[in-house]
C-alpha atoms as a PDB file:
ATOM      1  CA  MET A   1      18.436 -16.421   3.957  1.00  0.00           C
ATOM      2  CA  ILE A   2      18.948 -15.236   0.444  1.00  0.00           C
ATOM      3  CA  PRO A   3      18.511 -11.392   0.341  1.00  0.00           C
ATOM      4  CA  ARG A   4      15.919  -9.932  -2.013  1.00  0.00           C
ATOM      5  CA  LEU A   5      16.666  -6.586  -3.644  1.00  0.00           C
ATOM      6  CA  TYR A   6      14.387  -4.157  -5.637  1.00  0.00           C
ATOM      7  CA  ILE A   7      16.427  -3.015  -8.717  1.00  0.00           C
ATOM      8  CA  ASP A   8      15.141   0.005 -10.678  1.00  0.00           C
ATOM      9  CA  ALA A   9      16.484  -1.345 -13.939  1.00  0.00           C
ATOM     10  CA  PRO A  10      15.594  -4.026 -16.564  1.00  0.00           C
ATOM     11  CA  LEU A  11      16.268  -7.586 -15.600  1.00  0.00           C
ATOM     12  CA  GLU A  12      17.078 -10.484 -17.894  1.00  0.00           C
ATOM     13  CA  THR A  13      19.184 -13.570 -17.781  1.00  0.00           C
ATOM     14  CA  GLY A  14      22.875 -12.904 -18.408  1.00  0.00           C
ATOM     15  CA  ALA A  15      22.695  -9.177 -17.721  1.00  0.00           C
ATOM     16  CA  ALA A  16      24.564  -7.210 -15.112  1.00  0.00           C
ATOM     17  CA  ALA A  17      22.464  -5.097 -12.750  1.00  0.00           C
ATOM     18  CA  PRO A  18      23.735  -2.144 -10.691  1.00  0.00           C
ATOM     19  CA  LEU A  19      23.518  -1.812  -6.936  1.00  0.00           C
ATOM     20  CA  SER A  20      23.118   1.518  -5.213  1.00  0.00           C
ATOM     21  CA  GLU A  21      25.452   2.680  -2.453  1.00  0.00           C
ATOM     22  CA  ALA A  22      22.839   1.789   0.128  1.00  0.00           C
ATOM     23  CA  GLN A  23      22.302  -1.689  -1.171  1.00  0.00           C
ATOM     24  CA  ALA A  24      26.047  -2.440  -1.409  1.00  0.00           C
ATOM     25  CA  HIS A  25      26.408  -1.268   2.191  1.00  0.00           C
ATOM     26  CA  TYR A  26      23.516  -3.382   3.258  1.00  0.00           C
ATOM     27  CA  LEU A  27      24.932  -6.575   1.642  1.00  0.00           C
ATOM     28  CA  LYS A  28      28.518  -5.959   2.651  1.00  0.00           C
ATOM     29  CA  ASN A  29      28.308  -4.590   6.023  1.00  0.00           C
ATOM     30  CA  VAL A  30      24.966  -5.636   7.445  1.00  0.00           C
ATOM     31  CA  LEU A  31      24.529  -9.094   5.903  1.00  0.00           C
ATOM     32  CA  ARG A  32      28.323  -9.738   5.523  1.00  0.00           C
ATOM     33  CA  ARG A  33      27.960 -10.862   1.951  1.00  0.00           C
ATOM     34  CA  SER A  34      30.693 -10.879  -0.563  1.00  0.00           C
ATOM     35  CA  ALA A  35      31.368 -11.585  -4.248  1.00  0.00           C
ATOM     36  CA  GLY A  36      29.870 -14.940  -5.368  1.00  0.00           C
ATOM     37  CA  ASP A  37      26.997 -14.962  -2.745  1.00  0.00           C
ATOM     38  CA  GLU A  38      23.454 -15.393  -3.962  1.00  0.00           C
ATOM     39  CA  ALA A  39      20.698 -12.760  -4.139  1.00  0.00           C
ATOM     40  CA  ARG A  40      17.259 -12.489  -5.525  1.00  0.00           C
ATOM     41  CA  LEU A  41      16.238  -9.513  -7.713  1.00  0.00           C
ATOM     42  CA  PHE A  42      12.874  -7.978  -8.824  1.00  0.00           C
ATOM     43  CA  ASN A  43      11.929  -4.709 -10.526  1.00  0.00           C
ATOM     44  CA  GLY A  44       8.124  -4.713 -10.526  1.00  0.00           C
ATOM     45  CA  HIS A  45       7.481  -5.967 -14.021  1.00  0.00           C
ATOM     46  CA  ASP A  46       9.990  -8.608 -15.155  1.00  0.00           C
ATOM     47  CA  GLY A  47       9.498 -11.204 -12.375  1.00  0.00           C
ATOM     48  CA  GLU A  48      12.042 -12.387  -9.826  1.00  0.00           C
ATOM     49  CA  PHE A  49      15.558 -13.528 -10.814  1.00  0.00           C
ATOM     50  CA  ALA A  50      18.355 -15.392  -9.148  1.00  0.00           C
ATOM     51  CA  ALA A  51      21.611 -13.507  -9.066  1.00  0.00           C
ATOM     52  CA  ALA A  52      25.118 -13.611  -7.826  1.00  0.00           C
ATOM     53  CA  ILE A  53      27.113 -10.691  -6.310  1.00  0.00           C
ATOM     54  CA  ALA A  54      29.819  -9.736  -8.696  1.00  0.00           C
ATOM     55  CA  GLU A  55      31.288  -6.637  -6.970  1.00  0.00           C
ATOM     56  CA  LEU A  56      30.704  -4.611  -3.845  1.00  0.00           C
ATOM     57  CA  LYS A  57      32.284  -1.278  -3.395  1.00  0.00           C
ATOM     58  CA  LYS A  58      31.847   1.832  -1.184  1.00  0.00           C
ATOM     59  CA  LYS A  59      29.830   3.628  -3.905  1.00  0.00           C
ATOM     60  CA  GLY A  60      27.757   0.755  -5.194  1.00  0.00           C
ATOM     61  CA  GLY A  61      28.128  -2.628  -6.689  1.00  0.00           C
ATOM     62  CA  VAL A  62      27.146  -5.066  -9.459  1.00  0.00           C
ATOM     63  CA  VAL A  63      25.217  -8.364  -9.457  1.00  0.00           C
ATOM     64  CA  ALA A  64      25.206 -10.912 -12.278  1.00  0.00           C
ATOM     65  CA  VAL A  65      21.572 -11.882 -13.186  1.00  0.00           C
ATOM     66  CA  LYS A  66      21.053 -15.578 -13.637  1.00  0.00           C
ATOM     67  CA  GLY A  67      17.779 -17.383 -14.364  1.00  0.00           C
ATOM     68  CA  LYS A  68      14.242 -16.376 -13.662  1.00  0.00           C
ATOM     69  CA  THR A  69      12.843 -17.922 -10.499  1.00  0.00           C
ATOM     70  CA  ARG A  70       9.298 -16.452 -10.634  1.00  0.00           C
ATOM     71  CA  GLU A  71       7.080 -15.006 -13.286  1.00  0.00           C
ATOM     72  CA  GLN A  72       5.491 -11.646 -12.716  1.00  0.00           C
ATOM     73  CA  GLU A  73       2.156 -12.000 -11.070  1.00  0.00           C
ATOM     74  CA  ILE A  74      -1.052  -9.986 -11.503  1.00  0.00           C
ATOM     75  CA  GLU A  75      -1.888  -8.147  -8.215  1.00  0.00           C
ATOM     76  CA  PRO A  76      -5.150  -6.472  -7.167  1.00  0.00           C
ATOM     77  CA  GLU A  77      -5.536  -2.848  -8.214  1.00  0.00           C
ATOM     78  CA  LEU A  78      -5.954  -1.630  -4.693  1.00  0.00           C
ATOM     79  CA  ALA A  79      -5.019   1.804  -3.303  1.00  0.00           C
ATOM     80  CA  LEU A  80      -4.964   3.123   0.274  1.00  0.00           C
ATOM     81  CA  TYR A  81      -6.000   6.711   0.957  1.00  0.00           C
ATOM     82  CA  PHE A  82      -5.261   7.504   4.601  1.00  0.00           C
ATOM     83  CA  ALA A  83      -4.993  10.595   6.802  1.00  0.00           C
ATOM     84  CA  PRO A  84      -1.439  11.094   7.903  1.00  0.00           C
ATOM     85  CA  VAL A  85      -0.631  10.428  11.528  1.00  0.00           C
ATOM     86  CA  LYS A  86       2.485  10.680  13.723  1.00  0.00           C
ATOM     87  CA  ARG A  87       5.705   9.293  12.430  1.00  0.00           C
ATOM     88  CA  GLY A  88       5.609   5.900  14.149  1.00  0.00           C
ATOM     89  CA  PRO A  89       2.201   4.886  13.207  1.00  0.00           C
ATOM     90  CA  LEU A  90       2.629   6.424   9.726  1.00  0.00           C
ATOM     91  CA  GLU A  91       5.513   4.260   8.994  1.00  0.00           C
ATOM     92  CA  THR A  92       3.685   1.273  10.332  1.00  0.00           C
ATOM     93  CA  ILE A  93       0.827   1.980   7.773  1.00  0.00           C
ATOM     94  CA  ILE A  94       3.317   2.111   4.936  1.00  0.00           C
ATOM     95  CA  GLN A  95       5.055  -1.136   5.930  1.00  0.00           C
ATOM     96  CA  LYS A  96       1.986  -3.152   6.709  1.00  0.00           C
ATOM     97  CA  ALA A  97      -0.027  -1.944   3.675  1.00  0.00           C
ATOM     98  CA  THR A  98       2.813  -2.968   1.448  1.00  0.00           C
ATOM     99  CA  GLU A  99       3.044  -6.383   3.057  1.00  0.00           C
ATOM    100  CA  ILE A 100      -0.862  -6.811   2.600  1.00  0.00           C
ATOM    101  CA  GLY A 101      -0.518  -5.934  -1.033  1.00  0.00           C
ATOM    102  CA  VAL A 102      -1.656  -2.438  -1.944  1.00  0.00           C
ATOM    103  CA  ALA A 103      -0.576  -0.909  -5.227  1.00  0.00           C
ATOM    104  CA  ARG A 104      -0.601   2.750  -4.201  1.00  0.00           C
ATOM    105  CA  LEU A 105      -0.364   4.693  -0.938  1.00  0.00           C
ATOM    106  CA  CYS A 106      -1.856   8.193  -0.868  1.00  0.00           C
ATOM    107  CA  PRO A 107      -1.814  10.491   2.152  1.00  0.00           C
ATOM    108  CA  VAL A 108      -5.111  12.604   2.289  1.00  0.00           C
ATOM    109  CA  ILE A 109      -5.510  15.758   4.255  1.00  0.00           C
ATOM    110  CA  THR A 110      -8.887  16.021   5.966  1.00  0.00           C
ATOM    111  CA  GLU A 111     -10.347  18.704   8.220  1.00  0.00           C
ATOM    112  CA  ARG A 112      -9.099  17.055  11.414  1.00  0.00           C
ATOM    113  CA  THR A 113      -5.742  15.833  10.061  1.00  0.00           C
ATOM    114  CA  VAL A 114      -2.875  17.012  12.218  1.00  0.00           C
ATOM    115  CA  ALA A 115      -0.541  16.656   9.233  1.00  0.00           C
ATOM    116  CA  PRO A 116       3.141  15.997  10.279  1.00  0.00           C
ATOM    117  CA  LYS A 117       6.015  16.820   7.984  1.00  0.00           C
ATOM    118  CA  MET A 118       6.292  13.845   5.614  1.00  0.00           C
ATOM    119  CA  ASN A 119       9.391  12.758   3.870  1.00  0.00           C
ATOM    120  CA  VAL A 120       7.892  10.999   0.883  1.00  0.00           C
ATOM    121  CA  GLU A 121      11.245   9.658  -0.188  1.00  0.00           C
ATOM    122  CA  ARG A 122      11.756   7.917   3.162  1.00  0.00           C
ATOM    123  CA  LEU A 123       8.204   6.512   3.095  1.00  0.00           C
ATOM    124  CA  GLN A 124       8.942   5.086  -0.428  1.00  0.00           C
ATOM    125  CA  ALA A 125      12.094   3.512   0.946  1.00  0.00           C
ATOM    126  CA  ILE A 126      10.017   1.819   3.714  1.00  0.00           C
ATOM    127  CA  ALA A 127       7.712   0.488   1.150  1.00  0.00           C
ATOM    128  CA  ILE A 128      10.620  -0.950  -0.972  1.00  0.00           C
ATOM    129  CA  GLU A 129      12.165  -2.655   2.155  1.00  0.00           C
ATOM    130  CA  ALA A 130       8.740  -4.099   3.070  1.00  0.00           C
ATOM    131  CA  ALA A 131       8.198  -5.447  -0.536  1.00  0.00           C
ATOM    132  CA  GLU A 132      11.690  -6.995  -0.406  1.00  0.00           C
ATOM    133  CA  GLN A 133      11.025  -8.734   2.873  1.00  0.00           C
ATOM    134  CA  SER A 134       7.521  -9.882   2.196  1.00  0.00           C
ATOM    135  CA  GLY A 135       8.256 -11.575  -1.155  1.00  0.00           C
ATOM    136  CA  ARG A 136       6.191  -9.205  -3.305  1.00  0.00           C
ATOM    137  CA  LEU A 137       7.148  -8.684  -6.953  1.00  0.00           C
ATOM    138  CA  THR A 138       6.096  -5.098  -7.067  1.00  0.00           C
ATOM    139  CA  VAL A 139       6.494  -1.974  -4.861  1.00  0.00           C
ATOM    140  CA  PRO A 140       3.599   0.379  -4.161  1.00  0.00           C
ATOM    141  CA  SER A 141       4.005   4.039  -5.105  1.00  0.00           C
ATOM    142  CA  VAL A 142       3.833   6.632  -2.354  1.00  0.00           C
ATOM    143  CA  ASP A 143       2.116   9.909  -3.524  1.00  0.00           C
ATOM    144  CA  ASP A 144       2.508  13.373  -2.232  1.00  0.00           C
ATOM    145  CA  PRO A 145      -0.325  14.445   0.186  1.00  0.00           C
ATOM    146  CA  MET A 146      -3.567  15.744  -1.288  1.00  0.00           C
ATOM    147  CA  LYS A 147      -6.752  17.325   0.134  1.00  0.00           C
ATOM    148  CA  LEU A 148      -9.847  15.224   0.445  1.00  0.00           C
ATOM    149  CA  ALA A 149     -11.918  17.535  -1.758  1.00  0.00           C
ATOM    150  CA  ARG A 150      -9.332  17.377  -4.568  1.00  0.00           C
ATOM    151  CA  LEU A 151      -9.278  13.577  -4.334  1.00  0.00           C
ATOM    152  CA  LEU A 152     -13.021  13.250  -4.687  1.00  0.00           C
ATOM    153  CA  ASP A 153     -13.232  15.844  -7.554  1.00  0.00           C
ATOM    154  CA  ALA A 154     -10.662  14.002  -9.617  1.00  0.00           C
ATOM    155  CA  TRP A 155     -11.961  10.430  -8.847  1.00  0.00           C
ATOM    156  CA  PRO A 156     -11.690   8.188 -11.933  1.00  0.00           C
ATOM    157  CA  GLU A 157     -14.866   6.786 -13.495  1.00  0.00           C
ATOM    158  CA  GLY A 158     -15.725   3.203 -12.488  1.00  0.00           C
ATOM    159  CA  ARG A 159     -13.358   3.081  -9.548  1.00  0.00           C
ATOM    160  CA  ARG A 160     -14.893   2.109  -6.155  1.00  0.00           C
ATOM    161  CA  LEU A 161     -14.053   3.562  -2.787  1.00  0.00           C
ATOM    162  CA  LEU A 162     -14.525   1.729   0.476  1.00  0.00           C
ATOM    163  CA  PHE A 163     -15.122   4.438   3.033  1.00  0.00           C
ATOM    164  CA  CYS A 164     -14.323   3.336   6.511  1.00  0.00           C
ATOM    165  CA  ASP A 165     -16.812   5.303   8.509  1.00  0.00           C
ATOM    166  CA  GLU A 166     -16.040   5.179  12.181  1.00  0.00           C
ATOM    167  CA  ALA A 167     -19.510   6.775  12.959  1.00  0.00           C
ATOM    168  CA  GLY A 168     -21.168   4.331  10.606  1.00  0.00           C
ATOM    169  CA  ASP A 169     -23.436   2.758  13.306  1.00  0.00           C
ATOM    170  CA  ASP A 170     -25.495   5.948  13.903  1.00  0.00           C
ATOM    171  CA  GLU A 171     -29.001   5.222  12.426  1.00  0.00           C
ATOM    172  CA  ARG A 172     -30.467   8.546  13.331  1.00  0.00           C
ATOM    173  CA  GLU A 173     -28.708  10.507  10.639  1.00  0.00           C
ATOM    174  CA  GLU A 174     -29.205  10.773   6.908  1.00  0.00           C
ATOM    175  CA  TRP A 175     -26.510  11.996   4.638  1.00  0.00           C
ATOM    176  CA  GLY A 176     -27.369  13.189   1.111  1.00  0.00           C
ATOM    177  CA  GLY A 177     -30.484  10.975   1.144  1.00  0.00           C
ATOM    178  CA  ARG A 178     -28.516   7.869   2.111  1.00  0.00           C
ATOM    179  CA  GLU A 179     -28.856   6.238   5.538  1.00  0.00           C
ATOM    180  CA  GLY A 180     -26.209   7.039   8.003  1.00  0.00           C
ATOM    181  CA  ARG A 181     -25.743   3.484   9.035  1.00  0.00           C
ATOM    182  CA  ALA A 182     -22.790   1.701   7.452  1.00  0.00           C
ATOM    183  CA  THR A 183     -22.660  -2.083   7.237  1.00  0.00           C
ATOM    184  CA  PRO A 184     -19.737  -4.303   8.311  1.00  0.00           C
ATOM    185  CA  VAL A 185     -17.001  -4.438   5.703  1.00  0.00           C
ATOM    186  CA  LEU A 186     -17.447  -8.122   4.581  1.00  0.00           C
ATOM    187  CA  GLU A 187     -21.205  -7.537   4.256  1.00  0.00           C
ATOM    188  CA  ALA A 188     -20.651  -4.277   2.307  1.00  0.00           C
ATOM    189  CA  LEU A 189     -18.258  -6.118  -0.078  1.00  0.00           C
ATOM    190  CA  LYS A 190     -20.433  -9.073  -0.645  1.00  0.00           C
ATOM    191  CA  ASP A 191     -21.192  -9.703  -4.286  1.00  0.00           C
ATOM    192  CA  MET A 192     -18.986  -6.646  -5.280  1.00  0.00           C
ATOM    193  CA  ASP A 193     -16.788  -6.958  -8.315  1.00  0.00           C
ATOM    194  CA  SER A 194     -13.130  -6.755  -7.455  1.00  0.00           C
ATOM    195  CA  LYS A 195     -11.906  -5.877 -11.011  1.00  0.00           C
ATOM    196  CA  ALA A 196     -14.382  -3.330 -12.320  1.00  0.00           C
ATOM    197  CA  GLY A 197     -12.297  -0.185 -12.470  1.00  0.00           C
ATOM    198  CA  GLY A 198     -10.247  -0.963  -9.327  1.00  0.00           C
ATOM    199  CA  TRP A 199     -10.813  -0.214  -5.706  1.00  0.00           C
ATOM    200  CA  ALA A 200      -9.430   2.035  -2.972  1.00  0.00           C
ATOM    201  CA  VAL A 201      -9.785   2.232   0.802  1.00  0.00           C
ATOM    202  CA  LEU A 202     -10.182   5.465   2.734  1.00  0.00           C
ATOM    203  CA  THR A 203      -9.375   5.768   6.377  1.00  0.00           C
ATOM    204  CA  GLY A 204      -9.538   8.968   8.574  1.00  0.00           C
ATOM    205  CA  PRO A 205      -7.415  10.776  11.084  1.00  0.00           C
ATOM    206  CA  GLU A 206      -7.290  10.168  14.796  1.00  0.00           C
ATOM    207  CA  GLY A 207     -10.179  12.653  15.308  1.00  0.00           C
ATOM    208  CA  GLY A 208     -12.313  11.012  12.624  1.00  0.00           C
ATOM    209  CA  PHE A 209     -14.101  12.619   9.658  1.00  0.00           C
ATOM    210  CA  THR A 210     -16.212  15.681  10.244  1.00  0.00           C
ATOM    211  CA  PRO A 211     -20.002  15.393   9.710  1.00  0.00           C
ATOM    212  CA  GLU A 212     -19.580  17.452   6.571  1.00  0.00           C
ATOM    213  CA  GLU A 213     -17.000  15.158   5.100  1.00  0.00           C
ATOM    214  CA  ARG A 214     -19.147  12.191   5.881  1.00  0.00           C
ATOM    215  CA  MET A 215     -22.048  13.835   4.093  1.00  0.00           C
ATOM    216  CA  VAL A 216     -19.945  14.519   1.035  1.00  0.00           C
ATOM    217  CA  LEU A 217     -18.464  11.052   0.925  1.00  0.00           C
ATOM    218  CA  ARG A 218     -21.907   9.369   1.362  1.00  0.00           C
ATOM    219  CA  SER A 219     -23.377  11.425  -1.449  1.00  0.00           C
ATOM    220  CA  LYS A 220     -20.966   9.956  -4.009  1.00  0.00           C
ATOM    221  CA  THR A 221     -22.220   7.011  -5.952  1.00  0.00           C
ATOM    222  CA  PHE A 222     -18.841   5.426  -6.085  1.00  0.00           C
ATOM    223  CA  VAL A 223     -18.477   5.250  -2.281  1.00  0.00           C
ATOM    224  CA  THR A 224     -19.331   2.078  -0.321  1.00  0.00           C
ATOM    225  CA  PRO A 225     -19.548   3.116   3.372  1.00  0.00           C
ATOM    226  CA  ALA A 226     -18.555   0.379   5.898  1.00  0.00           C
ATOM    227  CA  THR A 227     -17.907   0.006   9.636  1.00  0.00           C
ATOM    228  CA  LEU A 228     -14.897  -1.733  11.050  1.00  0.00           C
ATOM    229  CA  GLY A 229     -16.678  -3.048  14.095  1.00  0.00           C
ATOM    230  CA  PRO A 230     -17.880  -2.157  17.599  1.00  0.00           C
ATOM    231  CA  ARG A 231     -14.537  -0.912  18.964  1.00  0.00           C
ATOM    232  CA  ILE A 232     -12.763   2.345  18.459  1.00  0.00           C
ATOM    233  CA  LEU A 233      -9.579   1.692  16.421  1.00  0.00           C
ATOM    234  CA  ARG A 234      -6.529   3.770  16.113  1.00  0.00           C
ATOM    235  CA  ALA A 235      -5.978   5.252  12.655  1.00  0.00           C
ATOM    236  CA  ASP A 236      -3.098   2.908  11.784  1.00  0.00           C
ATOM    237  CA  THR A 237      -5.023  -0.148  13.013  1.00  0.00           C
ATOM    238  CA  ALA A 238      -8.100   0.881  10.968  1.00  0.00           C
ATOM    239  CA  ALA A 239      -6.033   1.123   7.811  1.00  0.00           C
ATOM    240  CA  ILE A 240      -4.513  -2.338   8.322  1.00  0.00           C
ATOM    241  CA  ALA A 241      -7.913  -3.914   9.317  1.00  0.00           C
ATOM    242  CA  ALA A 242      -9.744  -2.539   6.333  1.00  0.00           C
ATOM    243  CA  LEU A 243      -7.097  -3.720   3.880  1.00  0.00           C
ATOM    244  CA  THR A 244      -7.029  -7.166   5.375  1.00  0.00           C
ATOM    245  CA  LEU A 245     -10.722  -7.462   5.079  1.00  0.00           C
ATOM    246  CA  TRP A 246     -10.755  -6.249   1.504  1.00  0.00           C
ATOM    247  CA  GLN A 247      -8.034  -8.677   0.487  1.00  0.00           C
ATOM    248  CA  ALA A 248     -10.011 -11.502   2.208  1.00  0.00           C
ATOM    249  CA  ALA A 249     -13.192 -10.626   0.454  1.00  0.00           C
ATOM    250  CA  LEU A 250     -12.139  -9.475  -3.004  1.00  0.00           C
ATOM    251  CA  GLY A 251      -8.326  -9.723  -3.215  1.00  0.00           C
ATOM    252  CA  ASP A 252      -5.698 -12.375  -3.851  1.00  0.00           C
ATOM    253  CA  TRP A 253      -5.933 -13.788  -0.357  1.00  0.00           C
ATOM    254  CA  ARG A 254      -8.925 -15.709  -1.640  1.00  0.00           C
ATOM    255  CA  ASN A 255      -6.644 -17.885  -3.703  1.00  0.00           C
ATOM    256  CA  SER A 256      -3.817 -18.367  -1.191  1.00  0.00           C
END
């Protein structure tokens, strides 16, 4: 196995790229690599490069950048907005969403969110590791938490939001003049444009969205409500399922 590393620095053939203390430790003490061993490098915009370890020290290291092995690829402009959950499931969301291919990860505080203390730097590190291991050429950003109302107020024009409505099979209600029933995700995304302004997916907390939140969301013209099926899903499962379905319907999984 040739290790892949995300480098926050320009990459070009013949250059030397720095390794952080953590990266040097990982290569030397975990993978038992040494000077001369191969590596692969990416930085999110220059593609992927072959490299050779030049130096490993306690405080960092250096790799020599060789030829480019992959050109930078265009990835879907897809964000995940999710209500924070407990640490284990939260880290699962970050890891799996990165593997699936999101460009941005945004914790959203809803009325029923039991918000744990979040270490955004740690979550970003999990996203980097997942990108390295999955073969991605980019790393999604992890934002600070924001409230749902603020998110909707600042929504960019033209961007679509897939609202995963766990109560979407209730036909007895109407919300803002729109029917309470949500269609299955694949049906809801049928004939949608994947590139017009970008897309985002919104999933809720373990307790679900409140009726008032559902009403507000369904009143927005940029929102596409959808149901994730007949069974009750955990919050982390719902996020992964919704992203998978979006990628299958509109994302780069169609070309794989």
